[in-house]
N, C-alpha and C. Protein backbone atom coordinates (compact mmCIF):
# COMPACT_ATOMS: atom_id res chain seq x y z
N UNK A 1 8.52 8.21 24.17
CA UNK A 1 8.14 9.28 23.29
C UNK A 1 7.20 10.48 24.24
N UNK A 2 7.19 11.68 24.28
CA UNK A 2 6.49 12.14 24.60
C UNK A 2 5.32 12.49 23.95
N UNK A 3 4.32 13.11 24.77
CA UNK A 3 3.16 13.69 23.85
C UNK A 3 3.57 14.72 22.90
N UNK A 4 2.20 14.92 22.11
CA UNK A 4 2.66 16.00 20.98
C UNK A 4 1.45 16.30 21.07
N UNK A 5 0.88 17.64 20.79
CA UNK A 5 -0.17 18.16 20.21
C UNK A 5 -0.63 17.47 18.53
N UNK A 6 -2.17 17.18 18.28
CA UNK A 6 -2.51 17.18 16.88
C UNK A 6 -3.25 18.21 16.77
N UNK A 7 -3.13 18.84 15.62
CA UNK A 7 -3.48 20.03 15.27
C UNK A 7 -4.48 19.36 14.19
N UNK A 8 -5.59 20.77 13.77
CA UNK A 8 -6.08 20.95 12.60
C UNK A 8 -5.91 22.26 12.28
N UNK A 9 -6.02 22.91 10.73
CA UNK A 9 -6.04 23.99 10.22
C UNK A 9 -7.40 24.11 9.92
N UNK A 10 -8.40 25.07 9.94
CA UNK A 10 -9.41 25.12 9.47
C UNK A 10 -9.50 25.87 8.13
N UNK A 11 -9.95 24.54 7.32
CA UNK A 11 -10.13 25.35 5.44
C UNK A 11 -8.97 24.68 4.90
N UNK A 12 -8.31 23.53 5.42
CA UNK A 12 -7.13 22.48 5.05
C UNK A 12 -7.89 21.82 3.88
N UNK A 13 -7.44 21.55 3.13
CA UNK A 13 -7.73 20.43 2.21
C UNK A 13 -7.57 19.22 2.92
N UNK A 14 -8.66 18.25 2.44
CA UNK A 14 -8.29 16.93 3.12
C UNK A 14 -9.32 15.88 1.93
N UNK A 15 -9.22 16.14 0.89
CA UNK A 15 -9.87 15.22 -0.30
C UNK A 15 -9.75 13.69 0.19
N UNK A 16 -10.63 12.84 0.37
CA UNK A 16 -10.36 11.40 0.24
C UNK A 16 -10.06 10.73 -1.03
N UNK A 17 -9.09 9.50 -0.80
CA UNK A 17 -9.59 8.43 -1.87
C UNK A 17 -8.04 8.28 -1.84
N UNK A 18 -8.08 7.45 -3.12
CA UNK A 18 -6.78 6.97 -3.58
C UNK A 18 -6.57 7.08 -5.17
N UNK A 19 -5.85 7.47 -5.59
CA UNK A 19 -5.30 7.25 -6.75
C UNK A 19 -5.64 6.17 -8.12
N UNK A 20 -5.76 6.33 -9.36
CA UNK A 20 -6.40 5.12 -10.04
C UNK A 20 -5.32 4.12 -10.53
N UNK A 21 -4.01 4.73 -10.05
CA UNK A 21 -3.07 3.68 -10.41
C UNK A 21 -2.06 2.74 -9.06
N UNK A 22 -2.48 1.89 -8.50
CA UNK A 22 -1.55 1.81 -7.74
C UNK A 22 -0.31 0.70 -8.24
N UNK A 23 0.28 0.46 -7.13
CA UNK A 23 1.78 -0.45 -7.79
C UNK A 23 1.67 -1.61 -6.21
N UNK A 24 2.66 -2.73 -7.02
CA UNK A 24 2.88 -3.54 -6.61
C UNK A 24 3.90 -4.82 -6.76
N UNK A 25 4.33 -5.26 -6.31
CA UNK A 25 5.39 -6.19 -6.28
C UNK A 25 5.68 -7.67 -5.35
N UNK A 26 6.19 -8.60 -5.73
CA UNK A 26 6.39 -10.08 -4.98
C UNK A 26 7.33 -9.38 -3.70
N UNK A 27 6.96 -10.23 -2.78
CA UNK A 27 8.13 -9.72 -1.72
C UNK A 27 9.31 -10.24 -1.88
N UNK A 28 9.51 -11.31 -3.18
CA UNK A 28 10.81 -11.55 -3.65
C UNK A 28 11.43 -10.75 -4.28
N UNK A 29 10.92 -10.14 -4.99
CA UNK A 29 11.09 -9.07 -5.71
C UNK A 29 12.21 -7.62 -5.09
N UNK A 30 11.93 -7.91 -3.71
CA UNK A 30 12.27 -6.73 -2.84
C UNK A 30 13.68 -6.67 -2.50
N UNK A 31 14.81 -6.08 -2.79
CA UNK A 31 16.28 -6.07 -2.50
C UNK A 31 16.04 -5.26 -0.63
N UNK A 32 15.67 -4.16 -0.53
CA UNK A 32 15.78 -3.26 0.46
C UNK A 32 14.43 -2.84 0.52
N UNK A 33 13.48 -2.90 1.63
CA UNK A 33 12.37 -2.57 1.69
C UNK A 33 12.33 -1.88 3.58
N UNK A 34 12.58 -0.61 3.43
CA UNK A 34 13.12 -0.22 4.64
C UNK A 34 12.03 0.07 5.89
N UNK A 35 12.42 -0.08 6.88
CA UNK A 35 10.87 0.53 7.95
C UNK A 35 11.16 2.04 8.46
N UNK A 36 10.03 2.56 8.80
CA UNK A 36 9.98 4.09 9.46
C UNK A 36 10.88 4.30 9.89
N UNK A 37 11.32 5.95 10.24
CA UNK A 37 12.59 6.21 10.29
C UNK A 37 12.56 5.94 12.20
N UNK A 38 11.55 5.65 12.89
CA UNK A 38 11.49 5.43 14.34
C UNK A 38 10.52 4.57 14.32
N UNK A 39 10.83 3.45 14.90
CA UNK A 39 9.94 2.11 14.18
C UNK A 39 9.45 1.39 15.85
N UNK A 40 9.68 1.96 17.07
CA UNK A 40 9.29 1.82 18.72
C UNK A 40 8.92 2.67 18.95
N UNK A 41 7.50 2.61 19.25
CA UNK A 41 6.77 3.63 20.43
C UNK A 41 7.44 3.87 21.60
N UNK A 42 7.63 3.15 22.07
CA UNK A 42 8.20 3.30 23.56
C UNK A 42 9.75 3.93 23.92
N UNK A 43 10.45 3.08 22.67
CA UNK A 43 11.57 3.72 22.49
C UNK A 43 12.05 5.23 21.75
N UNK A 44 11.28 5.74 20.75
CA UNK A 44 10.92 6.78 20.29
C UNK A 44 11.46 7.89 21.01
N UNK A 45 12.49 8.93 20.59
CA UNK A 45 12.31 10.22 21.01
C UNK A 45 12.32 10.97 19.96
N UNK A 46 11.53 10.43 18.75
CA UNK A 46 10.96 11.43 17.30
C UNK A 46 9.85 11.89 17.95
N UNK A 47 8.96 11.84 16.81
CA UNK A 47 7.80 12.47 16.29
C UNK A 47 6.73 11.68 16.22
N UNK A 48 5.17 12.03 16.43
CA UNK A 48 4.59 10.63 15.92
C UNK A 48 5.13 10.37 14.47
N UNK A 49 4.78 11.40 14.04
CA UNK A 49 5.25 10.94 12.09
C UNK A 49 6.16 10.29 11.70
N UNK A 50 6.94 10.39 12.73
CA UNK A 50 8.50 9.47 12.29
C UNK A 50 8.14 7.92 12.33
N UNK A 51 6.90 7.27 13.57
CA UNK A 51 6.60 6.23 13.64
C UNK A 51 5.77 5.75 12.35
N UNK A 52 5.52 6.29 11.70
CA UNK A 52 4.89 5.92 10.46
C UNK A 52 5.39 6.50 9.21
N UNK A 53 6.67 7.21 9.10
CA UNK A 53 7.58 7.64 7.78
C UNK A 53 8.53 6.84 7.22
N UNK A 54 8.34 6.36 6.16
CA UNK A 54 9.89 5.54 5.61
C UNK A 54 10.42 6.56 4.72
N UNK A 55 11.44 7.23 4.91
CA UNK A 55 12.74 8.36 4.15
C UNK A 55 13.28 7.39 3.16
N UNK A 56 14.01 6.21 3.37
CA UNK A 56 14.40 5.44 2.68
C UNK A 56 14.02 5.19 1.52
N UNK A 57 14.83 4.55 1.01
CA UNK A 57 14.26 3.96 -0.49
C UNK A 57 14.29 2.70 -0.91
N UNK A 58 13.34 2.39 -1.48
CA UNK A 58 12.88 0.96 -1.93
C UNK A 58 13.46 0.60 -2.55
N UNK A 59 14.23 -0.50 -2.76
CA UNK A 59 14.87 -1.10 -3.89
C UNK A 59 14.39 -2.36 -4.43
N UNK A 60 14.31 -2.73 -6.05
CA UNK A 60 13.42 -3.87 -6.14
C UNK A 60 14.44 -4.37 -7.47
N UNK A 61 14.56 -5.49 -7.51
CA UNK A 61 15.52 -5.99 -8.70
C UNK A 61 14.74 -5.54 -10.47
N UNK A 62 13.46 -5.42 -10.15
CA UNK A 62 12.66 -5.68 -11.67
C UNK A 62 11.19 -4.35 -11.10
N UNK A 63 11.23 -3.95 -11.86
CA UNK A 63 10.24 -2.49 -11.87
C UNK A 63 8.91 -2.86 -11.40
N UNK A 64 8.26 -2.22 -10.42
CA UNK A 64 7.15 -2.16 -9.99
C UNK A 64 6.02 -2.49 -11.00
N UNK A 65 5.09 -3.30 -10.86
CA UNK A 65 3.69 -3.39 -12.04
C UNK A 65 2.80 -2.63 -11.37
N UNK A 66 1.72 -1.90 -11.87
CA UNK A 66 0.72 -1.37 -11.73
C UNK A 66 -0.49 -1.87 -11.98
N UNK A 67 -1.62 -1.17 -11.00
CA UNK A 67 -3.11 -1.89 -11.49
C UNK A 67 -3.68 -0.56 -11.54
N UNK A 68 -4.81 -0.54 -12.92
CA UNK A 68 -5.38 0.60 -12.75
C UNK A 68 -6.59 0.16 -11.69
N UNK A 69 -7.23 1.47 -11.13
CA UNK A 69 -8.39 1.07 -9.51
C UNK A 69 -9.39 2.20 -10.20
N UNK A 70 -10.73 1.59 -10.34
CA UNK A 70 -11.98 2.31 -10.58
C UNK A 70 -12.02 3.41 -9.84
N UNK A 71 -12.34 4.55 -10.60
CA UNK A 71 -12.70 5.79 -9.66
C UNK A 71 -13.03 5.79 -8.75
N UNK A 72 -13.08 5.89 -7.59
CA UNK A 72 -13.59 6.17 -6.12
C UNK A 72 -14.26 5.03 -5.91
N UNK A 73 -13.62 3.39 -6.30
CA UNK A 73 -13.57 2.29 -5.86
C UNK A 73 -12.25 1.69 -4.96
N UNK A 74 -11.68 2.26 -4.51
CA UNK A 74 -10.69 2.11 -3.80
C UNK A 74 -10.31 2.66 -2.65
N UNK A 75 -9.60 2.00 -1.72
CA UNK A 75 -9.50 2.71 -0.26
C UNK A 75 -8.34 1.91 0.67
N UNK A 76 -7.71 2.77 1.38
CA UNK A 76 -6.63 2.00 2.06
C UNK A 76 -7.25 2.33 3.83
N UNK A 77 -6.99 1.24 4.56
CA UNK A 77 -7.88 1.58 5.81
C UNK A 77 -7.31 0.55 6.74
N UNK A 78 -7.47 1.18 7.86
CA UNK A 78 -6.63 0.66 9.19
C UNK A 78 -7.70 0.75 10.32
N UNK A 79 -7.39 -0.23 10.97
CA UNK A 79 -7.99 -0.51 12.37
C UNK A 79 -7.16 -1.10 13.37
N UNK A 80 -7.33 -0.61 14.99
CA UNK A 80 -6.98 -1.45 15.99
C UNK A 80 -7.42 -2.37 16.40
N UNK A 81 -6.55 -3.68 16.23
CA UNK A 81 -6.86 -5.45 16.49
C UNK A 81 -6.30 -5.73 17.88
N UNK A 82 -6.89 -6.63 18.13
CA UNK A 82 -6.17 -7.69 19.59
C UNK A 82 -6.31 -7.53 20.86
N UNK A 83 -5.92 -8.07 21.98
CA UNK A 83 -6.45 -7.99 23.16
C UNK A 83 -5.42 -6.64 24.03
N UNK A 84 -5.89 -6.57 25.16
CA UNK A 84 -5.43 -4.82 25.84
C UNK A 84 -4.03 -5.39 25.91
N UNK A 85 -3.30 -4.69 26.00
CA UNK A 85 -2.07 -5.04 26.25
C UNK A 85 -0.92 -5.65 25.24
N UNK A 86 -1.63 -5.62 24.38
CA UNK A 86 -1.15 -6.90 22.41
C UNK A 86 -1.74 -6.27 21.78
N UNK A 87 -1.96 -4.97 21.26
CA UNK A 87 -2.83 -4.23 20.43
C UNK A 87 -1.63 -4.04 18.85
N UNK A 88 -2.38 -4.74 17.81
CA UNK A 88 -1.53 -4.13 16.75
C UNK A 88 -2.59 -3.32 15.51
N UNK A 89 -1.87 -3.30 14.59
CA UNK A 89 -3.30 -2.84 13.15
C UNK A 89 -3.45 -3.65 12.47
N UNK A 90 -4.50 -3.86 12.16
CA UNK A 90 -5.13 -4.42 10.38
C UNK A 90 -4.87 -3.13 9.42
N UNK A 91 -4.34 -3.49 8.38
CA UNK A 91 -4.53 -2.79 7.49
C UNK A 91 -4.66 -3.22 6.08
N UNK A 92 -6.26 -2.66 5.34
CA UNK A 92 -6.50 -3.19 4.02
C UNK A 92 -6.68 -2.75 3.14
N UNK A 93 -6.05 -2.65 1.77
CA UNK A 93 -6.23 -2.48 0.46
C UNK A 93 -7.71 -3.27 -0.34
N UNK A 94 -8.31 -2.01 -0.42
CA UNK A 94 -9.59 -2.58 -1.35
C UNK A 94 -9.72 -1.86 -2.23
N UNK A 95 -10.02 -2.33 -3.78
CA UNK A 95 -10.05 -1.44 -5.12
C UNK A 95 -10.96 -2.65 -5.80
N UNK A 96 -11.19 -2.25 -6.70
CA UNK A 96 -12.24 -2.27 -7.96
C UNK A 96 -11.64 -2.22 -9.28
N UNK A 97 -11.48 -3.33 -9.84
CA UNK A 97 -10.72 -3.44 -11.07
C UNK A 97 -11.63 -3.63 -11.88
N UNK A 98 -12.24 -2.83 -13.25
CA UNK A 98 -13.18 -3.63 -14.37
C UNK A 98 -12.96 -4.72 -15.38
N UNK A 99 -14.10 -5.02 -15.34
CA UNK A 99 -14.26 -6.44 -16.62
C UNK A 99 -14.02 -7.51 -16.13
N UNK A 100 -13.78 -8.92 -16.94
CA UNK A 100 -13.57 -10.03 -16.67
C UNK A 100 -12.75 -10.58 -17.67
N UNK A 101 -11.55 -10.21 -17.77
CA UNK A 101 -10.52 -10.43 -19.03
C UNK A 101 -9.79 -11.30 -18.57
N UNK A 102 -9.07 -12.25 -19.23
CA UNK A 102 -8.21 -13.09 -19.07
C UNK A 102 -7.24 -12.74 -17.69
N UNK A 103 -6.68 -11.71 -18.16
CA UNK A 103 -5.41 -11.14 -17.46
C UNK A 103 -5.78 -10.72 -15.98
N UNK A 104 -7.16 -10.19 -16.04
CA UNK A 104 -7.75 -9.71 -14.62
C UNK A 104 -7.77 -11.10 -13.65
N UNK A 105 -8.68 -12.16 -14.47
CA UNK A 105 -8.92 -13.49 -14.01
C UNK A 105 -7.71 -14.25 -13.29
N UNK A 106 -6.56 -13.98 -14.69
CA UNK A 106 -5.47 -14.65 -14.24
C UNK A 106 -4.50 -13.97 -12.89
N UNK A 107 -4.99 -12.94 -12.84
CA UNK A 107 -4.11 -12.09 -11.27
C UNK A 107 -5.04 -12.60 -10.39
N UNK A 108 -6.22 -12.77 -10.36
CA UNK A 108 -6.98 -12.70 -9.22
C UNK A 108 -6.38 -14.32 -8.77
N UNK A 109 -6.11 -15.68 -9.48
CA UNK A 109 -5.57 -16.61 -9.59
C UNK A 109 -4.35 -17.05 -8.44
N UNK A 110 -3.68 -15.76 -9.63
CA UNK A 110 -2.10 -15.88 -8.92
C UNK A 110 -1.84 -15.57 -8.13
N UNK A 111 -2.34 -14.30 -7.33
CA UNK A 111 -2.25 -13.59 -6.43
C UNK A 111 -2.96 -14.34 -4.68
N UNK A 112 -3.73 -15.47 -5.20
CA UNK A 112 -4.48 -16.00 -3.89
C UNK A 112 -3.55 -16.41 -2.88
N UNK A 113 -2.08 -16.61 -3.18
CA UNK A 113 -1.17 -17.04 -2.06
C UNK A 113 0.17 -16.36 -2.39
N UNK A 114 0.13 -15.23 -2.82
CA UNK A 114 1.28 -14.39 -3.47
C UNK A 114 1.54 -13.62 -1.85
N UNK A 115 2.94 -13.54 -1.89
CA UNK A 115 2.97 -12.62 -0.69
C UNK A 115 3.48 -11.27 -1.34
N UNK A 116 2.86 -10.11 -1.17
CA UNK A 116 2.89 -8.78 -1.75
C UNK A 116 2.94 -7.39 -1.09
N UNK A 117 3.65 -6.61 -1.67
CA UNK A 117 3.99 -5.57 -1.13
C UNK A 117 3.16 -4.57 -2.06
N UNK A 118 2.35 -3.48 -1.52
CA UNK A 118 1.89 -2.57 -2.61
C UNK A 118 2.21 -0.93 -2.20
N UNK A 119 2.13 -0.10 -2.87
CA UNK A 119 2.22 1.00 -2.73
C UNK A 119 1.05 1.72 -3.36
N UNK A 120 0.49 2.71 -2.39
CA UNK A 120 -0.96 2.91 -2.51
C UNK A 120 -0.80 4.72 -2.13
N UNK A 121 -0.95 5.49 -3.67
CA UNK A 121 -0.77 6.90 -3.55
C UNK A 121 -2.33 6.92 -3.25
N UNK A 122 -2.17 8.18 -2.66
CA UNK A 122 -3.81 8.69 -2.12
C UNK A 122 -3.75 10.12 -3.29
N UNK A 123 -5.06 10.34 -3.09
CA UNK A 123 -5.66 11.50 -4.46
C UNK A 123 -4.69 12.54 -4.34
N UNK A 124 -3.96 12.82 -2.75
CA UNK A 124 -3.23 13.83 -2.34
C UNK A 124 -1.93 13.62 -2.84
N UNK A 125 -1.34 12.87 -3.42
CA UNK A 125 -0.24 11.92 -3.79
C UNK A 125 0.54 11.60 -2.73
N UNK A 126 0.34 11.55 -1.32
CA UNK A 126 0.71 11.06 -0.05
C UNK A 126 0.83 9.32 -0.65
N UNK A 127 1.92 8.97 -0.59
CA UNK A 127 2.17 7.05 -0.85
C UNK A 127 2.20 6.41 0.61
N UNK A 128 1.43 5.33 0.79
CA UNK A 128 1.04 4.74 1.52
C UNK A 128 1.65 3.12 1.39
N UNK A 129 2.46 2.55 2.41
CA UNK A 129 3.16 1.06 1.85
C UNK A 129 2.12 -0.15 2.85
N UNK A 130 1.32 -0.74 2.05
CA UNK A 130 1.01 -2.18 2.72
C UNK A 130 1.82 -3.51 2.46
N UNK A 131 1.93 -3.79 3.71
CA UNK A 131 2.81 -4.95 3.67
C UNK A 131 4.15 -4.85 4.04
N UNK A 132 5.05 -5.70 4.93
CA UNK A 132 6.26 -5.92 5.81
C UNK A 132 7.01 -6.88 5.33
N UNK A 133 8.34 -7.34 5.52
CA UNK A 133 9.10 -8.50 5.38
C UNK A 133 8.49 -9.44 6.17
N UNK A 134 7.93 -9.01 7.40
CA UNK A 134 7.24 -10.11 8.38
C UNK A 134 6.11 -10.44 8.28
N UNK A 135 5.13 -9.42 7.21
CA UNK A 135 3.44 -9.67 7.21
C UNK A 135 3.53 -9.05 5.78
N UNK A 136 3.75 -9.86 4.82
CA UNK A 136 3.38 -9.10 3.41
C UNK A 136 1.91 -9.00 3.42
N UNK A 137 1.35 -8.11 2.50
CA UNK A 137 0.25 -8.04 1.78
C UNK A 137 -0.72 -9.23 1.14
N UNK A 138 -1.59 -9.79 1.78
CA UNK A 138 -1.99 -11.21 1.53
C UNK A 138 -3.35 -11.17 1.02
N UNK A 139 -4.09 -11.68 0.21
CA UNK A 139 -5.47 -11.36 -0.37
C UNK A 139 -6.54 -12.10 0.36
N UNK A 140 -7.33 -11.35 0.46
CA UNK A 140 -8.52 -11.71 1.50
C UNK A 140 -9.39 -12.16 0.71
N UNK A 141 -9.80 -11.60 0.01
CA UNK A 141 -11.33 -11.84 -0.80
C UNK A 141 -11.09 -10.95 -2.10
N UNK A 142 -11.64 -11.78 -3.12
CA UNK A 142 -11.65 -11.13 -4.58
C UNK A 142 -13.14 -11.40 -5.15
N UNK A 143 -14.09 -11.19 -4.83
CA UNK A 143 -15.15 -11.68 -5.03
C UNK A 143 -15.46 -10.53 -6.81
N UNK A 144 -16.01 -11.27 -7.74
CA UNK A 144 -15.97 -10.91 -9.08
C UNK A 144 -17.57 -11.27 -9.61
N UNK A 145 -17.78 -10.27 -10.38
CA UNK A 145 -19.36 -10.64 -11.51
C UNK A 145 -19.35 -10.53 -12.68
N UNK A 146 -19.37 -10.56 -13.25
CA UNK A 146 -20.14 -10.66 -14.76
C UNK A 146 -21.37 -9.36 -14.94
N UNK A 147 -22.17 -9.12 -13.84
CA UNK A 147 -23.55 -8.28 -13.54
C UNK A 147 -24.36 -9.20 -14.36
N UNK A 148 -25.48 -8.34 -13.50
CA UNK A 148 -26.86 -9.18 -13.95
C UNK A 148 -27.60 -8.03 -15.02
N UNK A 149 -27.58 -6.75 -14.46
CA UNK A 149 -27.96 -6.31 -15.23
C UNK A 149 -27.71 -5.29 -15.91
N UNK A 150 -27.58 -4.03 -17.19
CA UNK A 150 -26.95 -3.07 -17.86
C UNK A 150 -26.36 -2.14 -17.23
N UNK A 151 -27.21 -1.86 -15.74
CA UNK A 151 -26.43 -0.97 -14.63
C UNK A 151 -25.71 -1.72 -13.80
N UNK A 152 -25.58 -2.65 -13.81
CA UNK A 152 -24.69 -3.44 -12.75
C UNK A 152 -23.25 -3.17 -13.15
N UNK A 153 -22.12 -3.37 -11.95
CA UNK A 153 -20.78 -3.54 -12.37
C UNK A 153 -20.20 -5.04 -12.26
N UNK A 154 -19.44 -4.49 -13.66
CA UNK A 154 -18.23 -6.21 -14.45
C UNK A 154 -17.41 -5.71 -13.76
N UNK A 155 -16.49 -6.25 -13.02
CA UNK A 155 -15.88 -6.39 -12.14
C UNK A 155 -15.15 -7.05 -11.11
N UNK A 156 -14.01 -7.70 -10.63
CA UNK A 156 -13.56 -8.13 -9.19
C UNK A 156 -13.20 -6.90 -8.26
N UNK A 157 -13.31 -6.89 -6.95
CA UNK A 157 -13.02 -6.06 -5.93
C UNK A 157 -12.38 -7.25 -5.09
N UNK A 158 -10.70 -6.26 -5.13
CA UNK A 158 -9.76 -7.05 -4.43
C UNK A 158 -9.93 -6.25 -3.18
N UNK A 159 -9.41 -7.28 -1.83
CA UNK A 159 -9.11 -6.65 -0.75
C UNK A 159 -7.40 -7.58 -0.04
N UNK A 160 -6.42 -6.74 0.00
CA UNK A 160 -5.47 -7.42 0.51
C UNK A 160 -5.27 -6.51 2.17
N UNK A 161 -4.61 -7.56 3.09
CA UNK A 161 -4.64 -6.95 4.16
C UNK A 161 -3.22 -7.24 4.83
N UNK A 162 -2.49 -6.67 5.94
CA UNK A 162 -1.46 -6.63 6.48
C UNK A 162 -1.53 -6.42 7.93
N UNK A 163 -1.12 -7.08 8.71
CA UNK A 163 -1.24 -6.34 9.91
C UNK A 163 0.52 -5.60 10.40
N UNK A 164 -0.02 -4.84 11.06
CA UNK A 164 1.64 -3.96 11.83
C UNK A 164 1.54 -3.38 12.99
N UNK A 165 2.64 -2.73 13.84
CA UNK A 165 2.17 -2.12 14.89
C UNK A 165 1.53 -0.80 14.56
N UNK A 166 1.44 -0.25 13.46
CA UNK A 166 0.71 0.92 12.81
C UNK A 166 -0.02 0.64 12.18
N UNK A 167 -0.77 2.01 11.66
CA UNK A 167 -1.06 2.06 10.17
C UNK A 167 -0.05 1.97 8.87
N UNK A 168 -0.50 1.63 7.84
CA UNK A 168 0.51 1.63 6.99
C UNK A 168 1.23 2.53 6.79
N UNK A 169 2.57 2.45 6.72
CA UNK A 169 3.29 3.83 6.87
C UNK A 169 3.45 4.42 5.58
N UNK A 170 3.74 5.96 5.67
CA UNK A 170 3.87 6.54 4.45
C UNK A 170 5.16 6.72 4.05
N UNK A 171 5.18 6.54 2.92
CA UNK A 171 6.93 6.32 1.95
C UNK A 171 6.91 7.89 1.37
N UNK A 172 7.94 8.15 1.76
CA UNK A 172 8.81 9.87 1.10
C UNK A 172 10.15 9.36 0.47
N UNK A 173 10.66 8.00 0.18
CA UNK A 173 11.56 7.69 -0.55
C UNK A 173 11.39 7.74 -1.99
N UNK A 174 12.37 6.99 -2.82
CA UNK A 174 12.42 6.35 -3.75
C UNK A 174 12.23 5.21 -4.37
N UNK A 175 11.79 4.96 -5.38
CA UNK A 175 11.64 3.37 -5.71
C UNK A 175 13.10 3.03 -6.75
N UNK A 176 13.90 2.45 -6.34
CA UNK A 176 15.06 2.35 -7.32
C UNK A 176 15.24 0.44 -7.86
N UNK A 177 15.63 0.39 -8.96
CA UNK A 177 15.56 -0.67 -9.35
C UNK A 177 17.16 -0.93 -9.69
N UNK A 178 17.63 -1.93 -8.89
CA UNK A 178 18.66 -2.84 -9.08
C UNK A 178 19.25 -2.64 -10.69
N UNK A 179 20.39 -2.71 -10.41
CA UNK A 179 21.45 -2.78 -12.03
C UNK A 179 21.79 -3.98 -12.61
N UNK A 180 21.60 -4.78 -13.46
CA UNK A 180 22.46 -5.75 -13.63
C UNK A 180 23.75 -5.76 -13.59
N UNK A 181 24.20 -6.63 -12.63
CA UNK A 181 25.75 -6.82 -12.41
C UNK A 181 26.27 -6.11 -11.46
N UNK A 182 25.62 -5.18 -11.01
CA UNK A 182 25.94 -4.38 -9.82
C UNK A 182 26.17 -3.42 -9.51
N UNK A 183 25.75 -2.49 -10.69
CA UNK A 183 25.89 -1.14 -10.87
C UNK A 183 25.33 -0.16 -10.27
N UNK A 184 24.95 1.00 -10.56
CA UNK A 184 24.11 2.18 -9.78
C UNK A 184 22.64 1.84 -10.43
N UNK A 185 21.56 1.64 -8.78
CA UNK A 185 20.34 1.32 -9.21
C UNK A 185 19.55 2.53 -9.94
N UNK A 186 18.60 2.59 -10.36
CA UNK A 186 17.99 3.23 -11.44
C UNK A 186 16.72 4.05 -11.01
N UNK A 187 16.16 5.09 -10.82
CA UNK A 187 15.22 5.47 -10.24
C UNK A 187 14.04 5.01 -11.14
N UNK A 188 12.61 4.44 -10.76
CA UNK A 188 11.25 4.13 -11.41
C UNK A 188 10.58 5.36 -11.25
N UNK A 189 9.97 6.04 -12.32
CA UNK A 189 9.16 7.00 -12.40
C UNK A 189 7.81 6.55 -11.96
N UNK A 190 6.97 6.62 -11.23
CA UNK A 190 5.70 6.43 -11.12
C UNK A 190 4.84 6.66 -11.81
N UNK A 191 4.98 8.27 -12.03
CA UNK A 191 4.37 9.03 -12.89
C UNK A 191 3.09 9.04 -11.80
N UNK A 192 3.44 9.62 -10.83
CA UNK A 192 1.80 10.07 -9.96
C UNK A 192 1.63 11.48 -9.90
N UNK A 193 -0.02 11.62 -10.03
CA UNK A 193 -0.13 12.92 -10.08
C UNK A 193 -0.82 13.50 -8.24
N UNK A 194 -0.28 15.24 -8.24
CA UNK A 194 -0.70 15.16 -7.16
C UNK A 194 -1.01 16.88 -6.75
């Protein structure tokens, strides 16, 4: 792959954060989980963006489930990891979900050893994918609290992680739900804000 310019236009909007609704499913629910357009840095003749952009559709057996995220209490981050000539990226999704209801506590127990895939909408509408077939998203931590004072947070803060060859890719395709009996799949409307 040839070198390319990385530019930034002064005044361009760059509002940080993730939206208040993220989506997840189990790896077993995935029929098709495509890779980025160009998935090998050394062999690619495409652009830098091609290395981290999934344009094909994700096909699932059942619709994705959603999780409410407390405003300004969620983020998706990445960092390089590994030894020289053996580098990869660790991608982490951290988000807070309010309360201590049985459903939330049960989710914490259920997901502790689950293989998951997340779709994480950024504030600007760009969707990122956390997890792959080979390295699904796994729960790293889930500290929760009832809070002590009336000004404390009553919540659980979940952190999921997954490693891959680069940052969590951008997803520009559609989520399609496979039809029972082999008919045409239908699009799942995620109802995203942009």
